[in-house]
C-alpha atoms as a PDB file:
ATOM      1  CA  MET A   1     119.917 111.487  93.218  1.00  0.00           C
ATOM      2  CA  HIS A   2     120.212 107.826  94.172  1.00  0.00           C
ATOM      3  CA  ASP A   3     119.809 105.009  91.679  1.00  0.00           C
ATOM      4  CA  LEU A   4     117.516 102.947  93.903  1.00  0.00           C
ATOM      5  CA  ALA A   5     115.493 103.596  97.037  1.00  0.00           C
ATOM      6  CA  ILE A   6     114.495 100.480  98.976  1.00  0.00           C
ATOM      7  CA  ILE A   7     111.598 100.771 101.394  1.00  0.00           C
ATOM      8  CA  THR A   8     110.643  98.081 103.866  1.00  0.00           C
ATOM      9  CA  ILE A   9     108.182  98.222 106.737  1.00  0.00           C
ATOM     10  CA  SER A  10     108.501  97.025 110.294  1.00  0.00           C
ATOM     11  CA  THR A  11     105.460  96.585 112.494  1.00  0.00           C
ATOM     12  CA  ASN A  12     107.325  94.799 115.290  1.00  0.00           C
ATOM     13  CA  GLU A  13     109.169  92.785 112.660  1.00  0.00           C
ATOM     14  CA  GLY A  14     112.696  93.609 113.673  1.00  0.00           C
ATOM     15  CA  HIS A  15     113.539  89.884 113.806  1.00  0.00           C
ATOM     16  CA  TRP A  16     113.115  89.733 110.016  1.00  0.00           C
ATOM     17  CA  LEU A  17     115.093  92.894 109.300  1.00  0.00           C
ATOM     18  CA  ARG A  18     118.537  91.507 110.061  1.00  0.00           C
ATOM     19  CA  PRO A  19     118.591  88.886 107.236  1.00  0.00           C
ATOM     20  CA  CYS A  20     116.597  91.159 104.931  1.00  0.00           C
ATOM     21  CA  LEU A  21     118.869  94.208 105.229  1.00  0.00           C
ATOM     22  CA  SER A  22     122.035  92.109 105.300  1.00  0.00           C
ATOM     23  CA  THR A  23     121.228  90.554 101.925  1.00  0.00           C
ATOM     24  CA  ILE A  24     120.075  93.877 100.471  1.00  0.00           C
ATOM     25  CA  PHE A  25     123.462  95.481 101.118  1.00  0.00           C
ATOM     26  CA  ALA A  26     125.320  92.322 100.081  1.00  0.00           C
ATOM     27  CA  ARG A  27     123.524  92.380  96.705  1.00  0.00           C
ATOM     28  CA  GLN A  28     123.874  96.118  96.077  1.00  0.00           C
ATOM     29  CA  GLY A  29     126.357  96.051  93.202  1.00  0.00           C
ATOM     30  CA  ASP A  30     127.816  99.245  91.765  1.00  0.00           C
ATOM     31  CA  ILE A  31     124.826 101.533  92.267  1.00  0.00           C
ATOM     32  CA  SER A  32     123.841 103.999  94.971  1.00  0.00           C
ATOM     33  CA  LEU A  33     121.199 102.867  97.458  1.00  0.00           C
ATOM     34  CA  ASP A  34     118.923 104.738  99.816  1.00  0.00           C
ATOM     35  CA  VAL A  35     117.493 102.157 102.222  1.00  0.00           C
ATOM     36  CA  VAL A  36     114.538 103.241 104.333  1.00  0.00           C
ATOM     37  CA  VAL A  37     112.817 101.317 107.129  1.00  0.00           C
ATOM     38  CA  ALA A  38     109.316 102.667 107.714  1.00  0.00           C
ATOM     39  CA  ASP A  39     108.709 101.918 111.377  1.00  0.00           C
ATOM     40  CA  ASN A  40     105.018 101.586 112.229  1.00  0.00           C
ATOM     41  CA  MET A  41     105.569 102.621 115.865  1.00  0.00           C
ATOM     42  CA  SER A  42     107.165  99.279 116.705  1.00  0.00           C
ATOM     43  CA  THR A  43     107.886  98.340 120.317  1.00  0.00           C
ATOM     44  CA  ASP A  44     110.526  95.702 119.487  1.00  0.00           C
ATOM     45  CA  SER A  45     113.501  98.101 119.199  1.00  0.00           C
ATOM     46  CA  THR A  46     113.329  98.223 115.397  1.00  0.00           C
ATOM     47  CA  ARG A  47     114.943 101.668 115.316  1.00  0.00           C
ATOM     48  CA  GLU A  48     117.759 100.631 117.640  1.00  0.00           C
ATOM     49  CA  LEU A  49     118.500  97.515 115.577  1.00  0.00           C
ATOM     50  CA  VAL A  50     118.679  99.454 112.319  1.00  0.00           C
ATOM     51  CA  GLU A  51     120.718 102.338 113.677  1.00  0.00           C
ATOM     52  CA  THR A  52     123.156 100.018 115.482  1.00  0.00           C
ATOM     53  CA  GLU A  53     123.654  97.263 112.896  1.00  0.00           C
ATOM     54  CA  PHE A  54     122.787  99.035 109.631  1.00  0.00           C
ATOM     55  CA  PRO A  55     123.915 102.657 109.893  1.00  0.00           C
ATOM     56  CA  GLU A  56     123.706 102.928 106.075  1.00  0.00           C
ATOM     57  CA  ALA A  57     119.914 102.671 106.372  1.00  0.00           C
ATOM     58  CA  ARG A  58     117.451 105.294 107.600  1.00  0.00           C
ATOM     59  CA  VAL A  59     114.415 104.891 109.852  1.00  0.00           C
ATOM     60  CA  VAL A  60     111.221 106.850 109.225  1.00  0.00           C
ATOM     61  CA  THR A  61     108.749 106.566 112.095  1.00  0.00           C
ATOM     62  CA  CYS A  62     105.080 106.787 111.216  1.00  0.00           C
ATOM     63  CA  ALA A  63     101.720 106.011 112.791  1.00  0.00           C
ATOM     64  CA  ASN A  64     100.448 102.541 111.970  1.00  0.00           C
ATOM     65  CA  HIS A  65      97.865 103.318 109.312  1.00  0.00           C
ATOM     66  CA  GLY A  66      98.702 100.293 107.203  1.00  0.00           C
ATOM     67  CA  PHE A  67     100.964  99.034 104.434  1.00  0.00           C
ATOM     68  CA  SER A  68     100.185 101.740 101.870  1.00  0.00           C
ATOM     69  CA  HIS A  69     100.526 104.569 104.382  1.00  0.00           C
ATOM     70  CA  ALA A  70     103.923 103.377 105.628  1.00  0.00           C
ATOM     71  CA  ASN A  71     105.279 102.823 102.117  1.00  0.00           C
ATOM     72  CA  ASN A  72     104.123 106.280 101.077  1.00  0.00           C
ATOM     73  CA  ARG A  73     105.738 107.880 104.131  1.00  0.00           C
ATOM     74  CA  GLY A  74     109.023 106.226 103.196  1.00  0.00           C
ATOM     75  CA  LEU A  75     108.644 107.084  99.521  1.00  0.00           C
ATOM     76  CA  MET A  76     108.125 110.780 100.278  1.00  0.00           C
ATOM     77  CA  THR A  77     111.615 110.972 101.792  1.00  0.00           C
ATOM     78  CA  THR A  78     113.418 109.572  98.728  1.00  0.00           C
ATOM     79  CA  ASP A  79     114.666 110.947  95.419  1.00  0.00           C
ATOM     80  CA  ALA A  80     115.798 107.774  93.600  1.00  0.00           C
ATOM     81  CA  ARG A  81     114.805 107.092  90.000  1.00  0.00           C
ATOM     82  CA  TRP A  82     113.720 103.534  90.952  1.00  0.00           C
ATOM     83  CA  VAL A  83     111.881 102.546  94.131  1.00  0.00           C
ATOM     84  CA  LEU A  84     111.643  99.047  95.574  1.00  0.00           C
ATOM     85  CA  PHE A  85     108.898  98.179  98.043  1.00  0.00           C
ATOM     86  CA  ILE A  86     109.988  94.945  99.713  1.00  0.00           C
ATOM     87  CA  ASN A  87     108.641  92.898 102.620  1.00  0.00           C
ATOM     88  CA  PRO A  88     110.856  92.563 105.687  1.00  0.00           C
ATOM     89  CA  ASP A  89     110.376  88.752 105.635  1.00  0.00           C
ATOM     90  CA  THR A  90     112.432  88.407 102.458  1.00  0.00           C
ATOM     91  CA  GLU A  91     116.066  87.713 101.605  1.00  0.00           C
ATOM     92  CA  ILE A  92     117.916  88.313  98.338  1.00  0.00           C
ATOM     93  CA  VAL A  93     119.628  85.061  97.310  1.00  0.00           C
ATOM     94  CA  ASP A  94     120.594  85.543  93.654  1.00  0.00           C
ATOM     95  CA  GLY A  95     121.395  88.515  91.430  1.00  0.00           C
ATOM     96  CA  THR A  96     122.380  92.081  92.231  1.00  0.00           C
ATOM     97  CA  PHE A  97     120.396  95.279  92.240  1.00  0.00           C
ATOM     98  CA  ALA A  98     122.887  96.793  89.824  1.00  0.00           C
ATOM     99  CA  ASP A  99     122.184  94.086  87.255  1.00  0.00           C
ATOM    100  CA  LEU A 100     118.437  94.301  87.853  1.00  0.00           C
ATOM    101  CA  LEU A 101     118.434  98.059  87.260  1.00  0.00           C
ATOM    102  CA  ARG A 102     120.477  97.662  84.082  1.00  0.00           C
ATOM    103  CA  GLU A 103     117.777  95.328  82.769  1.00  0.00           C
ATOM    104  CA  ALA A 104     115.063  97.706  83.937  1.00  0.00           C
ATOM    105  CA  ASP A 105     116.698 100.716  82.290  1.00  0.00           C
ATOM    106  CA  ALA A 106     116.889  98.779  79.024  1.00  0.00           C
ATOM    107  CA  ARG A 107     113.074  98.631  79.033  1.00  0.00           C
ATOM    108  CA  PRO A 108     111.989 102.292  79.059  1.00  0.00           C
ATOM    109  CA  ASP A 109     108.292 101.420  78.739  1.00  0.00           C
ATOM    110  CA  VAL A 110     108.285  99.261  81.887  1.00  0.00           C
ATOM    111  CA  GLY A 111     106.860 100.904  84.981  1.00  0.00           C
ATOM    112  CA  LEU A 112     106.920  98.068  87.506  1.00  0.00           C
ATOM    113  CA  ILE A 113     108.865  94.822  87.897  1.00  0.00           C
ATOM    114  CA  GLY A 114     108.539  91.659  89.966  1.00  0.00           C
ATOM    115  CA  VAL A 115     111.240  89.008  90.347  1.00  0.00           C
ATOM    116  CA  ARG A 116     111.532  85.296  90.976  1.00  0.00           C
ATOM    117  CA  GLN A 117     110.406  84.333  94.482  1.00  0.00           C
ATOM    118  CA  VAL A 118     110.914  81.041  96.291  1.00  0.00           C
ATOM    119  CA  LEU A 119     109.684  79.742  99.617  1.00  0.00           C
ATOM    120  CA  PRO A 120     112.187  78.786 102.351  1.00  0.00           C
ATOM    121  CA  ASP A 121     112.228  75.169 101.083  1.00  0.00           C
ATOM    122  CA  GLY A 122     113.220  76.359  97.604  1.00  0.00           C
ATOM    123  CA  THR A 123     109.783  75.849  96.042  1.00  0.00           C
ATOM    124  CA  LEU A 124     108.918  78.450  93.419  1.00  0.00           C
ATOM    125  CA  HIS A 125     106.259  80.846  94.710  1.00  0.00           C
ATOM    126  CA  PRO A 126     103.891  81.909  91.888  1.00  0.00           C
ATOM    127  CA  THR A 127     103.696  85.701  92.021  1.00  0.00           C
ATOM    128  CA  VAL A 128     102.566  86.630  88.505  1.00  0.00           C
ATOM    129  CA  ARG A 129      98.924  87.669  88.510  1.00  0.00           C
ATOM    130  CA  TYR A 130      96.140  88.714  86.164  1.00  0.00           C
ATOM    131  CA  PHE A 131      93.637  91.331  87.245  1.00  0.00           C
ATOM    132  CA  PRO A 132      90.721  90.036  89.351  1.00  0.00           C
ATOM    133  CA  ASN A 133      87.262  89.825  87.842  1.00  0.00           C
ATOM    134  CA  ALA A 134      84.099  87.789  88.381  1.00  0.00           C
ATOM    135  CA  LEU A 135      85.084  85.018  85.955  1.00  0.00           C
ATOM    136  CA  ARG A 136      88.496  84.529  87.516  1.00  0.00           C
ATOM    137  CA  ALA A 137      86.916  84.540  90.981  1.00  0.00           C
ATOM    138  CA  LEU A 138      84.479  81.846  89.818  1.00  0.00           C
ATOM    139  CA  GLY A 139      87.347  79.745  88.487  1.00  0.00           C
ATOM    140  CA  ASP A 140      89.132  80.132  91.807  1.00  0.00           C
ATOM    141  CA  ALA A 141      85.963  79.129  93.674  1.00  0.00           C
ATOM    142  CA  LEU A 142      85.797  75.939  91.573  1.00  0.00           C
ATOM    143  CA  ARG A 143      89.500  75.200  92.193  1.00  0.00           C
ATOM    144  CA  SER A 144      90.488  75.686  88.556  1.00  0.00           C
ATOM    145  CA  GLU A 145      94.181  75.422  89.482  1.00  0.00           C
ATOM    146  CA  ARG A 146      93.600  71.691  89.981  1.00  0.00           C
ATOM    147  CA  TRP A 147      92.076  71.154  86.542  1.00  0.00           C
ATOM    148  CA  PRO A 148      94.184  69.280  83.936  1.00  0.00           C
ATOM    149  CA  ALA A 149      94.084  72.358  81.719  1.00  0.00           C
ATOM    150  CA  ARG A 150      93.097  75.864  82.689  1.00  0.00           C
ATOM    151  CA  SER A 151      92.688  79.104  80.782  1.00  0.00           C
ATOM    152  CA  ARG A 152      94.292  82.222  82.285  1.00  0.00           C
ATOM    153  CA  HIS A 153      90.767  83.675  82.208  1.00  0.00           C
ATOM    154  CA  LEU A 154      89.726  81.286  84.994  1.00  0.00           C
ATOM    155  CA  GLY A 155      92.211  82.298  87.646  1.00  0.00           C
ATOM    156  CA  GLU A 156      94.406  85.157  88.819  1.00  0.00           C
ATOM    157  CA  ARG A 157      97.669  83.273  89.307  1.00  0.00           C
ATOM    158  CA  GLU A 158     100.004  82.166  86.540  1.00  0.00           C
ATOM    159  CA  ILE A 159     100.533  78.518  87.510  1.00  0.00           C
ATOM    160  CA  ASP A 160     102.715  77.409  84.588  1.00  0.00           C
ATOM    161  CA  LEU A 161     105.948  77.472  86.582  1.00  0.00           C
ATOM    162  CA  SER A 162     108.137  77.133  83.473  1.00  0.00           C
ATOM    163  CA  ARG A 163     107.090  80.663  82.464  1.00  0.00           C
ATOM    164  CA  TYR A 164     108.779  82.102  85.547  1.00  0.00           C
ATOM    165  CA  GLU A 165     112.219  81.294  84.117  1.00  0.00           C
ATOM    166  CA  ARG A 166     111.976  84.035  81.479  1.00  0.00           C
ATOM    167  CA  GLU A 167     110.658  87.554  81.113  1.00  0.00           C
ATOM    168  CA  LEU A 168     106.888  87.569  81.369  1.00  0.00           C
ATOM    169  CA  GLU A 169     104.424  90.417  81.000  1.00  0.00           C
ATOM    170  CA  CYS A 170     101.614  90.408  83.539  1.00  0.00           C
ATOM    171  CA  ASP A 171      98.847  92.523  85.046  1.00  0.00           C
ATOM    172  CA  TRP A 172     100.177  92.699  88.590  1.00  0.00           C
ATOM    173  CA  THR A 173     102.633  90.986  90.880  1.00  0.00           C
ATOM    174  CA  SER A 174     102.982  90.277  94.579  1.00  0.00           C
ATOM    175  CA  GLY A 175     103.450  93.277  96.859  1.00  0.00           C
ATOM    176  CA  SER A 176     106.305  91.509  98.634  1.00  0.00           C
ATOM    177  CA  PHE A 177     108.643  92.840  95.895  1.00  0.00           C
ATOM    178  CA  LEU A 178     107.575  95.780  93.743  1.00  0.00           C
ATOM    179  CA  LEU A 179     110.291  97.583  91.806  1.00  0.00           C
ATOM    180  CA  ALA A 180     108.705 100.745  90.420  1.00  0.00           C
ATOM    181  CA  ARG A 181     110.025 103.453  88.154  1.00  0.00           C
ATOM    182  CA  ARG A 182     109.590 106.810  89.876  1.00  0.00           C
ATOM    183  CA  GLU A 183     108.077 108.299  86.707  1.00  0.00           C
ATOM    184  CA  ALA A 184     105.444 105.536  86.769  1.00  0.00           C
ATOM    185  CA  LEU A 185     104.592 106.270  90.399  1.00  0.00           C
ATOM    186  CA  GLU A 186     104.351 109.981  89.745  1.00  0.00           C
ATOM    187  CA  SER A 187     102.140 109.494  86.686  1.00  0.00           C
ATOM    188  CA  SER A 188      99.801 106.978  88.345  1.00  0.00           C
ATOM    189  CA  GLY A 189      99.822 108.158  91.947  1.00  0.00           C
ATOM    190  CA  PHE A 190     101.256 106.594  95.099  1.00  0.00           C
ATOM    191  CA  MET A 191      99.644 103.690  96.957  1.00  0.00           C
ATOM    192  CA  ASP A 192      95.988 104.231  97.886  1.00  0.00           C
ATOM    193  CA  GLU A 193      95.985 104.519 101.679  1.00  0.00           C
ATOM    194  CA  ARG A 194      92.346 103.449 101.911  1.00  0.00           C
ATOM    195  CA  PHE A 195      93.694  99.895 101.515  1.00  0.00           C
ATOM    196  CA  PHE A 196      95.073  99.137 104.971  1.00  0.00           C
ATOM    197  CA  ILE A 197      96.713  95.898 103.835  1.00  0.00           C
ATOM    198  CA  TYR A 198      96.098  93.708 100.747  1.00  0.00           C
ATOM    199  CA  SER A 199      94.849  94.693  97.287  1.00  0.00           C
ATOM    200  CA  GLU A 200      96.913  97.882  97.366  1.00  0.00           C
ATOM    201  CA  GLU A 201      99.428  96.416  94.908  1.00  0.00           C
ATOM    202  CA  THR A 202      96.640  95.308  92.560  1.00  0.00           C
ATOM    203  CA  ASP A 203      95.165  98.796  92.619  1.00  0.00           C
ATOM    204  CA  LEU A 204      98.586 100.393  92.075  1.00  0.00           C
ATOM    205  CA  CYS A 205      99.274  98.154  89.078  1.00  0.00           C
ATOM    206  CA  VAL A 206      95.894  98.988  87.519  1.00  0.00           C
ATOM    207  CA  ARG A 207      96.753 102.661  87.677  1.00  0.00           C
ATOM    208  CA  ILE A 208     100.305 102.172  86.395  1.00  0.00           C
ATOM    209  CA  LYS A 209      99.016 100.252  83.377  1.00  0.00           C
ATOM    210  CA  LYS A 210      96.318 102.861  82.734  1.00  0.00           C
ATOM    211  CA  ALA A 211      99.084 105.470  82.721  1.00  0.00           C
ATOM    212  CA  GLY A 212     100.658 103.601  79.794  1.00  0.00           C
ATOM    213  CA  TRP A 213     103.391 101.528  81.462  1.00  0.00           C
ATOM    214  CA  ARG A 214     104.093  97.820  81.151  1.00  0.00           C
ATOM    215  CA  ILE A 215     104.448  95.473  84.139  1.00  0.00           C
ATOM    216  CA  VAL A 216     106.819  92.520  83.845  1.00  0.00           C
ATOM    217  CA  HIS A 217     108.327  89.619  85.758  1.00  0.00           C
ATOM    218  CA  LEU A 218     112.128  89.407  85.419  1.00  0.00           C
ATOM    219  CA  PRO A 219     113.926  86.295  86.742  1.00  0.00           C
ATOM    220  CA  SER A 220     117.317  88.036  86.962  1.00  0.00           C
ATOM    221  CA  MET A 221     116.945  88.230  90.754  1.00  0.00           C
ATOM    222  CA  THR A 222     115.673  85.591  93.169  1.00  0.00           C
ATOM    223  CA  ILE A 223     114.417  86.239  96.684  1.00  0.00           C
ATOM    224  CA  ILE A 224     113.247  84.001  99.498  1.00  0.00           C
ATOM    225  CA  HIS A 225     109.871  85.047 100.816  1.00  0.00           C
ATOM    226  CA  HIS A 226     108.752  83.586 104.124  1.00  0.00           C
ATOM    227  CA  ALA A 227     105.147  83.639 102.919  1.00  0.00           C
ATOM    228  CA  ASP A 228     102.316  81.990 104.852  1.00  0.00           C
ATOM    229  CA  LYS A 229     104.674  81.566 107.787  1.00  0.00           C
ATOM    230  CA  ALA A 230     101.773  81.499 110.252  1.00  0.00           C
ATOM    231  CA  GLY A 231      99.474  79.333 108.127  1.00  0.00           C
ATOM    232  CA  VAL A 232      95.852  80.221 107.435  1.00  0.00           C
ATOM    233  CA  ARG A 233      94.544  82.798 109.917  1.00  0.00           C
ATOM    234  CA  ALA A 234      90.918  83.874 110.094  1.00  0.00           C
ATOM    235  CA  LYS A 235      91.665  87.595 110.289  1.00  0.00           C
ATOM    236  CA  ILE A 236      94.025  87.449 107.312  1.00  0.00           C
ATOM    237  CA  VAL A 237      91.490  85.575 105.149  1.00  0.00           C
ATOM    238  CA  ALA A 238      88.766  88.039 106.119  1.00  0.00           C
ATOM    239  CA  GLN A 239      91.041  91.022 105.477  1.00  0.00           C
ATOM    240  CA  ASP A 240      91.768  89.708 101.995  1.00  0.00           C
ATOM    241  CA  VAL A 241      88.078  89.449 101.064  1.00  0.00           C
ATOM    242  CA  TYR A 242      87.331  92.825 102.632  1.00  0.00           C
ATOM    243  CA  THR A 243      89.960  94.571 100.509  1.00  0.00           C
ATOM    244  CA  ARG A 244      88.893  92.633  97.428  1.00  0.00           C
ATOM    245  CA  MET A 245      85.477  94.206  97.793  1.00  0.00           C
ATOM    246  CA  GLN A 246      87.137  97.594  98.323  1.00  0.00           C
ATOM    247  CA  TYR A 247      88.936  97.027  95.032  1.00  0.00           C
ATOM    248  CA  ALA A 248      85.699  95.942  93.347  1.00  0.00           C
ATOM    249  CA  ARG A 249      83.882  99.061  94.554  1.00  0.00           C
ATOM    250  CA  LYS A 250      86.659 101.204  93.131  1.00  0.00           C
ATOM    251  CA  HIS A 251      87.117  99.507  89.756  1.00  0.00           C
ATOM    252  CA  PHE A 252      84.018  97.427  88.858  1.00  0.00           C
ATOM    253  CA  SER A 253      80.582  98.423  87.612  1.00  0.00           C
ATOM    254  CA  PRO A 254      77.679  97.643  89.995  1.00  0.00           C
ATOM    255  CA  GLY A 255      76.675  94.545  88.005  1.00  0.00           C
ATOM    256  CA  HIS A 256      80.230  93.230  87.801  1.00  0.00           C
ATOM    257  CA  ARG A 257      80.713  93.936  91.492  1.00  0.00           C
ATOM    258  CA  LEU A 258      77.657  91.819  92.356  1.00  0.00           C
ATOM    259  CA  LEU A 259      78.887  88.893  90.247  1.00  0.00           C
ATOM    260  CA  TYR A 260      82.315  89.150  91.845  1.00  0.00           C
ATOM    261  CA  TRP A 261      80.756  89.165  95.328  1.00  0.00           C
ATOM    262  CA  LEU A 262      78.679  86.081  94.474  1.00  0.00           C
ATOM    263  CA  ALA A 263      81.791  84.254  93.263  1.00  0.00           C
ATOM    264  CA  LEU A 264      83.584  85.038  96.534  1.00  0.00           C
ATOM    265  CA  VAL A 265      80.586  83.859  98.550  1.00  0.00           C
ATOM    266  CA  LEU A 266      80.574  80.619  96.536  1.00  0.00           C
ATOM    267  CA  LYS A 267      84.284  80.128  97.095  1.00  0.00           C
ATOM    268  CA  PHE A 268      84.211  80.530 100.850  1.00  0.00           C
ATOM    269  CA  GLY A 269      80.899  78.736 101.212  1.00  0.00           C
ATOM    270  CA  LEU A 270      82.347  75.680  99.473  1.00  0.00           C
ATOM    271  CA  ARG A 271      85.573  75.919 101.497  1.00  0.00           C
ATOM    272  CA  ALA A 272      83.630  76.146 104.751  1.00  0.00           C
ATOM    273  CA  MET A 273      81.652  72.998 103.892  1.00  0.00           C
ATOM    274  CA  LEU A 274      84.672  71.062 102.605  1.00  0.00           C
ATOM    275  CA  PRO A 275      87.851  72.529 104.108  1.00  0.00           C
ATOM    276  CA  PRO A 276      90.998  71.200 102.382  1.00  0.00           C
ATOM    277  CA  ALA A 277      92.634  69.477 105.352  1.00  0.00           C
ATOM    278  CA  LYS A 278      92.888  65.950 106.730  1.00  0.00           C
ATOM    279  CA  GLU A 279      93.339  66.536 110.449  1.00  0.00           C
ATOM    280  CA  PRO A 280      90.152  67.413 112.389  1.00  0.00           C
ATOM    281  CA  GLU A 281      91.748  70.365 114.202  1.00  0.00           C
ATOM    282  CA  GLU A 282      93.058  71.836 110.978  1.00  0.00           C
ATOM    283  CA  ARG A 283      89.709  71.355 109.260  1.00  0.00           C
ATOM    284  CA  GLN A 284      87.977  73.207 112.074  1.00  0.00           C
ATOM    285  CA  ARG A 285      90.512  76.028 111.963  1.00  0.00           C
ATOM    286  CA  LEU A 286      89.987  76.431 108.220  1.00  0.00           C
ATOM    287  CA  ARG A 287      86.218  76.216 108.592  1.00  0.00           C
ATOM    288  CA  ASP A 288      86.303  79.010 111.179  1.00  0.00           C
ATOM    289  CA  ALA A 289      88.477  81.152 108.886  1.00  0.00           C
ATOM    290  CA  TYR A 290      86.168  80.706 105.906  1.00  0.00           C
ATOM    291  CA  ARG A 291      83.099  81.463 108.005  1.00  0.00           C
ATOM    292  CA  PHE A 292      84.803  84.644 109.199  1.00  0.00           C
ATOM    293  CA  ALA A 293      85.303  85.574 105.530  1.00  0.00           C
ATOM    294  CA  LEU A 294      81.645  84.877 104.759  1.00  0.00           C
ATOM    295  CA  GLU A 295      80.514  87.054 107.655  1.00  0.00           C
ATOM    296  CA  THR A 296      82.771  89.823 106.359  1.00  0.00           C
ATOM    297  CA  LEU A 297      81.301  89.496 102.868  1.00  0.00           C
ATOM    298  CA  ALA A 298      77.803  89.609 104.369  1.00  0.00           C
ATOM    299  CA  GLY A 299      78.625  92.851 106.164  1.00  0.00           C
ATOM    300  CA  ARG A 300      78.244  91.295 109.597  1.00  0.00           C
ATOM    301  CA  ARG A 301      81.865  92.082 110.418  1.00  0.00           C
ATOM    302  CA  GLY A 302      84.015  95.056 109.539  1.00  0.00           C
ATOM    303  CA  ALA A 303      87.603  94.943 108.374  1.00  0.00           C
ATOM    304  CA  PRO A 304      89.774  92.946 110.808  1.00  0.00           C
ATOM    305  CA  TYR A 305      92.580  95.476 110.232  1.00  0.00           C
ATOM    306  CA  GLU A 306      91.826  99.064 109.396  1.00  0.00           C
ATOM    307  CA  HIS A 307      92.750 102.615 110.239  1.00  0.00           C
ATOM    308  CA  PRO A 308      92.239 103.396 113.922  1.00  0.00           C
ATOM    309  CA  PRO A 309      89.374 105.800 114.670  1.00  0.00           C
ATOM    310  CA  PRO A 310      90.388 109.460 114.801  1.00  0.00           C
ATOM    311  CA  VAL A 311      91.409 110.770 118.195  1.00  0.00           C
ATOM    312  CA  ALA A 312      88.953 113.257 119.609  1.00  0.00           C
ATOM    313  CA  VAL A 313      90.575 116.636 120.168  1.00  0.00           C
ATOM    314  CA  ARG A 314      89.121 119.078 122.660  1.00  0.00           C
ATOM    315  CA  THR A 315      89.004 122.615 121.248  1.00  0.00           C
ATOM    316  CA  ARG A 316      88.990 125.821 123.185  1.00  0.00           C
END
């Protein structure tokens, strides 16, 4: 049995794998690793890159049915007592996995861990979250993060950056780095593959906490995450709201779900009228993205990214 299995996904993201895997092995420490690249049928020679430059890693090829599906396919091939789901567009810059696991093992009631994340310019990236609900969605719609003082009940993100320098209990954390105890995954269930991409980590954390485990942020490791590298994209914004409503249908009562939907409509309606940008081209791009989200919320568009339709099979 390995100490740690690390699973990352490539959907034609081989260009990110080289720095990601290099820093993973450089920060291994004195533990055994099982590194798995779940290849979503990439056409950019992902398998060749991994097998040539990182023979210590394994490649598991799977159909592209989304983030949850690929992570689960990788997870099913591992036996480690801890499992890390990590984005390919990340790099480990401080700490070792051996030290991180020693801290994790010292907390037997912890089922899932997030770590300190920074953007490429060194800016701290807030990754600690509280579970979504209608009130927090309303606070987000009214830009509560810009208020002089804000209750944690009026937003999902923890925006007090000083809290990220110490251990912090939370509801959920960014899916770009999820260190999960195998017992927690087995008691709560693997990732829900109905979420193609986004909200799957929120759903997983709900189930882990319901199974009796704690979720914490530990700053003993720091990673660079190349988040928002392509800026705001209409399909990504729409996918986020689509999966948020998937999450709401799964976890909220009908009345709560309606209030949550109204808060999202308010948020994107306000953003579409007053997009937060100075340049005309950028304002138009944001306006188009927020309108796309509104159309998705109204049911006029389906999910921008979802499972492909089943292939018809002729029977004899």
